[in-house]
Amino acid sequence: MKFSELQRKLERDGWFIERTSGHYIYAHPTKPGKIPVGKHGSKEVPTGTANKILKLAGLK
């Protein structure tokens, strides 16, 4: 999975970019927590990293 695909999945679920630094920091209006996602566009996300981000977002 590419970083851009991961970001699209988060945004479809209602997550939005709250702020940027070295990463995009995603927040959700009703779900707790914040999720950092790298700014790498078309690069592949390591499998473990993608699974962890999806799990934190409640999508897995």
PDB file of N, CA and C in Angstrom:
ATOM      1  N   MET A   1       0.850  -1.171   0.000  1.00  0.00           N
ATOM      2  CA  MET A   1       0.000   0.000   0.000  1.00  0.00           C
ATOM      3  C   MET A   1       0.898   1.237   0.000  1.00  0.00           C
ATOM      4  N   LYS A   2       0.500   2.230  -0.766  1.00  0.00           N
ATOM      5  CA  LYS A   2       1.266   3.475  -0.836  1.00  0.00           C
ATOM      6  C   LYS A   2       0.752   4.450   0.222  1.00  0.00           C
ATOM      7  N   PHE A   3       1.598   5.402   0.594  1.00  0.00           N
ATOM      8  CA  PHE A   3       1.202   6.391   1.587  1.00  0.00           C
ATOM      9  C   PHE A   3      -0.045   7.144   1.130  1.00  0.00           C
ATOM     10  N   SER A   4      -0.126   7.474  -0.160  1.00  0.00           N
ATOM     11  CA  SER A   4      -1.287   8.217  -0.669  1.00  0.00           C
ATOM     12  C   SER A   4      -2.573   7.393  -0.528  1.00  0.00           C
ATOM     13  N   GLU A   5      -2.496   6.078  -0.728  1.00  0.00           N
ATOM     14  CA  GLU A   5      -3.666   5.209  -0.561  1.00  0.00           C
ATOM     15  C   GLU A   5      -4.096   5.165   0.900  1.00  0.00           C
ATOM     16  N   LEU A   6      -3.117   5.087   1.791  1.00  0.00           N
ATOM     17  CA  LEU A   6      -3.397   5.059   3.222  1.00  0.00           C
ATOM     18  C   LEU A   6      -4.073   6.359   3.658  1.00  0.00           C
ATOM     19  N   GLN A   7      -3.594   7.464   3.161  1.00  0.00           N
ATOM     20  CA  GLN A   7      -4.183   8.754   3.500  1.00  0.00           C
ATOM     21  C   GLN A   7      -5.625   8.848   2.984  1.00  0.00           C
ATOM     22  N   ARG A   8      -5.891   8.339   1.787  1.00  0.00           N
ATOM     23  CA  ARG A   8      -7.255   8.342   1.244  1.00  0.00           C
ATOM     24  C   ARG A   8      -8.194   7.516   2.125  1.00  0.00           C
ATOM     25  N   LYS A   9      -7.721   6.357   2.596  1.00  0.00           N
ATOM     26  CA  LYS A   9      -8.542   5.518   3.467  1.00  0.00           C
ATOM     27  C   LYS A   9      -8.907   6.259   4.753  1.00  0.00           C
ATOM     28  N   LEU A  10      -7.926   6.930   5.340  1.00  0.00           N
ATOM     29  CA  LEU A  10      -8.183   7.677   6.568  1.00  0.00           C
ATOM     30  C   LEU A  10      -9.189   8.801   6.316  1.00  0.00           C
ATOM     31  N   GLU A  11      -9.005   9.527   5.232  1.00  0.00           N
ATOM     32  CA  GLU A  11      -9.887  10.658   4.934  1.00  0.00           C
ATOM     33  C   GLU A  11     -11.313  10.203   4.615  1.00  0.00           C
ATOM     34  N   ARG A  12     -11.475   9.057   3.976  1.00  0.00           N
ATOM     35  CA  ARG A  12     -12.811   8.525   3.704  1.00  0.00           C
ATOM     36  C   ARG A  12     -13.541   8.166   5.002  1.00  0.00           C
ATOM     37  N   ASP A  13     -12.772   7.811   6.035  1.00  0.00           N
ATOM     38  CA  ASP A  13     -13.361   7.450   7.324  1.00  0.00           C
ATOM     39  C   ASP A  13     -13.625   8.673   8.203  1.00  0.00           C
ATOM     40  N   GLY A  14     -13.273   9.853   7.736  1.00  0.00           N
ATOM     41  CA  GLY A  14     -13.556  11.057   8.499  1.00  0.00           C
ATOM     42  C   GLY A  14     -12.356  11.705   9.160  1.00  0.00           C
ATOM     43  N   TRP A  15     -11.180  11.092   9.043  1.00  0.00           N
ATOM     44  CA  TRP A  15      -9.968  11.668   9.614  1.00  0.00           C
ATOM     45  C   TRP A  15      -9.564  12.869   8.771  1.00  0.00           C
ATOM     46  N   PHE A  16      -9.016  13.892   9.405  1.00  0.00           N
ATOM     47  CA  PHE A  16      -8.565  15.091   8.701  1.00  0.00           C
ATOM     48  C   PHE A  16      -7.194  15.501   9.225  1.00  0.00           C
ATOM     49  N   ILE A  17      -6.464  16.247   8.413  1.00  0.00           N
ATOM     50  CA  ILE A  17      -5.126  16.696   8.810  1.00  0.00           C
ATOM     51  C   ILE A  17      -5.299  17.867   9.774  1.00  0.00           C
ATOM     52  N   GLU A  18      -4.878  17.630  11.016  1.00  0.00           N
ATOM     53  CA  GLU A  18      -4.973  18.665  12.042  1.00  0.00           C
ATOM     54  C   GLU A  18      -3.792  19.627  11.954  1.00  0.00           C
ATOM     55  N   ARG A  19      -2.613  19.063  11.721  1.00  0.00           N
ATOM     56  CA  ARG A  19      -1.419  19.894  11.551  1.00  0.00           C
ATOM     57  C   ARG A  19      -0.364  19.088  10.814  1.00  0.00           C
ATOM     58  N   THR A  20       0.649  19.797  10.354  1.00  0.00           N
ATOM     59  CA  THR A  20       1.751  19.116   9.676  1.00  0.00           C
ATOM     60  C   THR A  20       3.049  19.499  10.355  1.00  0.00           C
ATOM     61  N   SER A  21       3.956  18.588  10.330  1.00  0.00           N
ATOM     62  CA  SER A  21       5.329  18.807  10.801  1.00  0.00           C
ATOM     63  C   SER A  21       6.160  17.942   9.875  1.00  0.00           C
ATOM     64  N   GLY A  22       6.930  17.031  10.383  1.00  0.00           N
ATOM     65  CA  GLY A  22       7.615  16.070   9.536  1.00  0.00           C
ATOM     66  C   GLY A  22       6.633  15.029   9.018  1.00  0.00           C
ATOM     67  N   HIS A  23       5.477  14.940   9.671  1.00  0.00           N
ATOM     68  CA  HIS A  23       4.416  14.008   9.311  1.00  0.00           C
ATOM     69  C   HIS A  23       3.104  14.787   9.244  1.00  0.00           C
ATOM     70  N   TYR A  24       2.099  14.164   8.623  1.00  0.00           N
ATOM     71  CA  TYR A  24       0.745  14.681   8.727  1.00  0.00           C
ATOM     72  C   TYR A  24       0.178  14.118  10.022  1.00  0.00           C
ATOM     73  N   ILE A  25      -0.446  14.959  10.832  1.00  0.00           N
ATOM     74  CA  ILE A  25      -1.073  14.507  12.069  1.00  0.00           C
ATOM     75  C   ILE A  25      -2.580  14.514  11.837  1.00  0.00           C
ATOM     76  N   TYR A  26      -3.176  13.321  11.812  1.00  0.00           N
ATOM     77  CA  TYR A  26      -4.601  13.176  11.556  1.00  0.00           C
ATOM     78  C   TYR A  26      -5.370  13.126  12.871  1.00  0.00           C
ATOM     79  N   ALA A  27      -6.537  13.764  12.880  1.00  0.00           N
ATOM     80  CA  ALA A  27      -7.449  13.737  14.016  1.00  0.00           C
ATOM     81  C   ALA A  27      -8.833  13.384  13.479  1.00  0.00           C
ATOM     82  N   HIS A  28      -9.709  12.940  14.369  1.00  0.00           N
ATOM     83  CA  HIS A  28     -11.068  12.566  13.991  1.00  0.00           C
ATOM     84  C   HIS A  28     -12.038  13.283  14.917  1.00  0.00           C
ATOM     85  N   PRO A  29     -13.172  13.746  14.395  1.00  0.00           N
ATOM     86  CA  PRO A  29     -14.109  14.480  15.243  1.00  0.00           C
ATOM     87  C   PRO A  29     -14.705  13.656  16.387  1.00  0.00           C
ATOM     88  N   THR A  30     -14.847  12.340  16.224  1.00  0.00           N
ATOM     89  CA  THR A  30     -15.475  11.538  17.277  1.00  0.00           C
ATOM     90  C   THR A  30     -14.575  10.456  17.857  1.00  0.00           C
ATOM     91  N   LYS A  31     -13.575  10.010  17.132  1.00  0.00           N
ATOM     92  CA  LYS A  31     -12.682   8.964  17.626  1.00  0.00           C
ATOM     93  C   LYS A  31     -11.528   9.592  18.413  1.00  0.00           C
ATOM     94  N   PRO A  32     -11.085   8.918  19.473  1.00  0.00           N
ATOM     95  CA  PRO A  32      -9.999   9.486  20.280  1.00  0.00           C
ATOM     96  C   PRO A  32      -8.637   9.309  19.616  1.00  0.00           C
ATOM     97  N   GLY A  33      -7.699  10.137  20.001  1.00  0.00           N
ATOM     98  CA  GLY A  33      -6.318   9.997  19.560  1.00  0.00           C
ATOM     99  C   GLY A  33      -5.998  10.735  18.281  1.00  0.00           C
ATOM    100  N   LYS A  34      -4.722  10.737  18.000  1.00  0.00           N
ATOM    101  CA  LYS A  34      -4.195  11.353  16.784  1.00  0.00           C
ATOM    102  C   LYS A  34      -3.264  10.338  16.133  1.00  0.00           C
ATOM    103  N   ILE A  35      -3.157  10.411  14.810  1.00  0.00           N
ATOM    104  CA  ILE A  35      -2.357   9.434  14.070  1.00  0.00           C
ATOM    105  C   ILE A  35      -1.340  10.163  13.206  1.00  0.00           C
ATOM    106  N   PRO A  36      -0.036   9.904  13.412  1.00  0.00           N
ATOM    107  CA  PRO A  36       0.973  10.484  12.532  1.00  0.00           C
ATOM    108  C   PRO A  36       1.155   9.612  11.285  1.00  0.00           C
ATOM    109  N   VAL A  37       1.165  10.260  10.117  1.00  0.00           N
ATOM    110  CA  VAL A  37       1.376   9.544   8.852  1.00  0.00           C
ATOM    111  C   VAL A  37       2.448  10.299   8.072  1.00  0.00           C
ATOM    112  N   GLY A  38       3.433   9.581   7.575  1.00  0.00           N
ATOM    113  CA  GLY A  38       4.533  10.195   6.838  1.00  0.00           C
ATOM    114  C   GLY A  38       4.094  10.893   5.563  1.00  0.00           C
ATOM    115  N   LYS A  39       4.919  11.825   5.127  1.00  0.00           N
ATOM    116  CA  LYS A  39       4.673  12.567   3.883  1.00  0.00           C
ATOM    117  C   LYS A  39       5.527  11.958   2.780  1.00  0.00           C
ATOM    118  N   HIS A  40       5.125  10.794   2.270  1.00  0.00           N
ATOM    119  CA  HIS A  40       5.962  10.117   1.290  1.00  0.00           C
ATOM    120  C   HIS A  40       5.268   9.855  -0.035  1.00  0.00           C
ATOM    121  N   GLY A  41       4.036  10.298  -0.186  1.00  0.00           N
ATOM    122  CA  GLY A  41       3.340  10.203  -1.462  1.00  0.00           C
ATOM    123  C   GLY A  41       3.252   8.818  -2.053  1.00  0.00           C
ATOM    124  N   SER A  42       4.034   8.559  -3.088  1.00  0.00           N
ATOM    125  CA  SER A  42       3.908   7.313  -3.835  1.00  0.00           C
ATOM    126  C   SER A  42       4.805   6.184  -3.316  1.00  0.00           C
ATOM    127  N   LYS A  43       5.535   6.402  -2.227  1.00  0.00           N
ATOM    128  CA  LYS A  43       6.358   5.328  -1.665  1.00  0.00           C
ATOM    129  C   LYS A  43       5.469   4.304  -0.968  1.00  0.00           C
ATOM    130  N   GLU A  44       5.962   3.079  -0.892  1.00  0.00           N
ATOM    131  CA  GLU A  44       5.245   2.006  -0.217  1.00  0.00           C
ATOM    132  C   GLU A  44       5.373   2.145   1.303  1.00  0.00           C
ATOM    133  N   VAL A  45       4.271   1.888   1.994  1.00  0.00           N
ATOM    134  CA  VAL A  45       4.273   1.878   3.459  1.00  0.00           C
ATOM    135  C   VAL A  45       4.676   0.474   3.892  1.00  0.00           C
ATOM    136  N   PRO A  46       5.629   0.330   4.815  1.00  0.00           N
ATOM    137  CA  PRO A  46       5.934  -1.011   5.324  1.00  0.00           C
ATOM    138  C   PRO A  46       4.668  -1.655   5.903  1.00  0.00           C
ATOM    139  N   THR A  47       4.514  -2.936   5.718  1.00  0.00           N
ATOM    140  CA  THR A  47       3.295  -3.646   6.104  1.00  0.00           C
ATOM    141  C   THR A  47       2.944  -3.437   7.572  1.00  0.00           C
ATOM    142  N   GLY A  48       3.914  -3.569   8.457  1.00  0.00           N
ATOM    143  CA  GLY A  48       3.657  -3.396   9.886  1.00  0.00           C
ATOM    144  C   GLY A  48       3.200  -1.992  10.224  1.00  0.00           C
ATOM    145  N   THR A  49       3.778  -0.998   9.566  1.00  0.00           N
ATOM    146  CA  THR A  49       3.406   0.392   9.792  1.00  0.00           C
ATOM    147  C   THR A  49       1.980   0.642   9.326  1.00  0.00           C
ATOM    148  N   ALA A  50       1.639   0.143   8.151  1.00  0.00           N
ATOM    149  CA  ALA A  50       0.280   0.317   7.624  1.00  0.00           C
ATOM    150  C   ALA A  50      -0.740  -0.344   8.542  1.00  0.00           C
ATOM    151  N   ASN A  51      -0.438  -1.550   9.011  1.00  0.00           N
ATOM    152  CA  ASN A  51      -1.350  -2.251   9.912  1.00  0.00           C
ATOM    153  C   ASN A  51      -1.541  -1.487  11.212  1.00  0.00           C
ATOM    154  N   LYS A  52      -0.475  -0.939  11.768  1.00  0.00           N
ATOM    155  CA  LYS A  52      -0.549  -0.181  13.017  1.00  0.00           C
ATOM    156  C   LYS A  52      -1.399   1.081  12.840  1.00  0.00           C
ATOM    157  N   ILE A  53      -1.191   1.809  11.739  1.00  0.00           N
ATOM    158  CA  ILE A  53      -1.968   3.022  11.478  1.00  0.00           C
ATOM    159  C   ILE A  53      -3.440   2.697  11.307  1.00  0.00           C
ATOM    160  N   LEU A  54      -3.757   1.656  10.548  1.00  0.00           N
ATOM    161  CA  LEU A  54      -5.154   1.257  10.344  1.00  0.00           C
ATOM    162  C   LEU A  54      -5.796   0.799  11.648  1.00  0.00           C
ATOM    163  N   LYS A  55      -5.022   0.123  12.495  1.00  0.00           N
ATOM    164  CA  LYS A  55      -5.529  -0.328  13.783  1.00  0.00           C
ATOM    165  C   LYS A  55      -5.823   0.859  14.696  1.00  0.00           C
ATOM    166  N   LEU A  56      -4.911   1.837  14.723  1.00  0.00           N
ATOM    167  CA  LEU A  56      -5.127   3.039  15.530  1.00  0.00           C
ATOM    168  C   LEU A  56      -6.367   3.816  15.065  1.00  0.00           C
ATOM    169  N   ALA A  57      -6.622   3.780  13.752  1.00  0.00           N
ATOM    170  CA  ALA A  57      -7.766   4.494  13.187  1.00  0.00           C
ATOM    171  C   ALA A  57      -9.074   3.722  13.358  1.00  0.00           C
ATOM    172  N   GLY A  58      -8.985   2.482  13.829  1.00  0.00           N
ATOM    173  CA  GLY A  58     -10.188   1.662  14.002  1.00  0.00           C
ATOM    174  C   GLY A  58     -10.692   1.091  12.695  1.00  0.00           C
ATOM    175  N   LEU A  59      -9.808   0.974  11.708  1.00  0.00           N
ATOM    176  CA  LEU A  59     -10.200   0.437  10.402  1.00  0.00           C
ATOM    177  C   LEU A  59      -9.781  -1.008  10.214  1.00  0.00           C
ATOM    178  N   LYS A  60      -9.149  -1.587  11.212  1.00  0.00           N
ATOM    179  CA  LYS A  60      -8.699  -2.979  11.102  1.00  0.00           C
ATOM    180  C   LYS A  60      -8.958  -3.705  12.397  1.00  0.00           C
TER     181      LYS A  60
END
